[in-house]
């Protein structure tokens, strides 16, 4: 979608895209671009394209993510250097450059919001810490501008990132105030950020008045009031005597409490009038991991929105998971800047535990902490080796000197003659040296172990990079014969592009909406932007309904073709049958006659002989397994590892028009409605009514 928007922006101007309302997405409702797309990514690519470099649109989109990954590495170095030092900054930057969690969004061709947003996230945090250290209003203004850029491209991995910033920074300011660390630098770092950031956020069409009307932003306003009250108290304390200060503080605190209570009362009144208390459904799914599965199944249906397991952390951040606690220990005692980094780590670790997708937000924090830990470890071990070597050389020199004294006691050494002209090196006592050093053998072994872990981390990252570099639309697998390539998706979209009319409408599950729009250039009913849950529920209801009812739904939407992804032949697990229960849940959330228990046998969805009649007669089952038994005579599904229950059936309202080579994508066409001879129908009905009325003696009343 971002690629399409970028192309539209080049033709009609980037500012005009917010008013564009293409019907090729989510027909027949259409989709307003300005209200559903964050413009930062498109504008960024547009500015790169305007540098008068002879590059095509495709080239700019392909290399946007790698370009900004370099900027993200640079921002990580600046942030870590500001907190701990240049050595830690270089180590953290090197770790982020190849961490698998970030590689998943920064490979060439990954033209998505997250590819640019991580740089904006890290750079915003760097400017905030820089302002804390310097108290410069210049950096505070840059911080607000970086936050504005973050809003234009990112809404927490497409729907929440800027709210993460606008809540994390106020949380840190509140902790500093409670800990008694208020300072003018803290005031300068926060107040301009909230004022300018909120004003700039309201300029983004997608955000608008949500910047001041939703509960995600209220914490920043309450902390804004609090820090101004605390700042006023500190100012009064500097100009009044202690006696007058107590009276003034009483008045200021009383007035502040009254004002805060009034603001809180207004907020409560505004929040209580809304069903979700002012929180968006996706924010509630982060605060309450069970909320999405209960109330918004469309969010829970996305695989990236599932909670991760421990092997997921090992896969995405690998050995960094073990270095993070050591990095926290290097910050003791905590300062204002180090406490912010620790707070960032803790909150991102929590959110990554709710959704796999938010491992992307955890990756920079893990790299920063691991970089600090590794830098400190190498510092200790190399210092130990250095001191051990110095101690060995000094002892050997002392032994040689004693031998010279015993042989020539009256002869002066040249070093004694020049002793007055040479500066004395700083002397470290034996006790301090013993506390700062470790045995040289242990230090060498520890460095070798760290280098071995680093080599393992690099090898893992390279392996993950190769996996992410494979295009997701082309499925590959390794077998005894070598690499097997399944190019069924492109085969199906090419067939749609060449064998259907431009105005034909295509229905599929929402996972494939963007593909059909961009690769087949056909109008789709739903796509990957889930802004309208009801429309997606209508498609889910059609897939879950019997054939005739599904045909009526698709026909009412002017659908001409239905696309089904099926993996039962080659063992492709991400097919529509494995996603079918989510279609039932999404459809049942809007249309109550679709009930999940009707499709389950003993709590499980089955497609074998024990499957329920509702499951065997639904459209998804029929379109997936139509003619499947003709392949091996048994109808054995390699994904579900069972024979299908209903093997022989015919389609009355759909006809198969194309199936790809490996049966991964199947395309069906809706049959036209049967012609009705109205005269015959009316006469036959009239005769039937007359006959029945004669028999009953009374005429039946028209129920309409």
Foldseek 3Di string as FASTA:
>chain_A
DLLVLLVVCVVPNLVCQQQDFDCLAQPPVTDRCLQFAQSLLSVVLVVVVPPPDPDDSLQSQQQVLQVLLVLLLVLQLLLLCLVPRNQLSNQLSVLSSQFLLSLLQRHGPNRALLSNLSSLLSNLLSLLSVLLVPVDLVSLLVSLVSLLSNLSRDQQRSNNVSLCVLQLLLVLLVVCVVVVNDDSSNVSSQQSNLVSNLVSNLVRSNCNCVSPQAPSNVSSVLSNLVSVLVVVLVVVVVPDDPVVSVVVNVVSVVVSVVVSVVVVVVLQVSQVVDPVSRHDQVVVCQVPVCSCVVAPLVQVLDQQQAFDDPVLCCLRRNPLVVQQVLLLVVCPPPDSSSVSLVSQLVVLVSSCRSGVSSVSSNSSSSSSSNSNNVSVLLVLLVLQLVVVVVVVVVVVVVVVVVVCCVVCVPDDDPCVVCVVVDDDDDDDDPVVSVVRHDDNVVSVVVVVVVVVSVVVSVVSSVVSSVVSNDDPQWDWDQDPVGIDIDNQSLVVLVCLQPPHDLAAEEEEQQDCSVVNCPRNVHRYSHHDSCPDLQSNLLSLVLQLAFQVVSLVSCVVSRHFKYKFFEDQQPQDQPGVVNSNLSSLVSNCSVVVVRDSVQFDDPNHHDFAQRTHPSNCRGNNNCQHQPCCCVPPVFCAGNNVRGTGHDRDDDRDFKDWDDAGPRRRMTMIGGDDDDDDDVVVVVVVVVVVQVVVCVVVVHGDDDPD
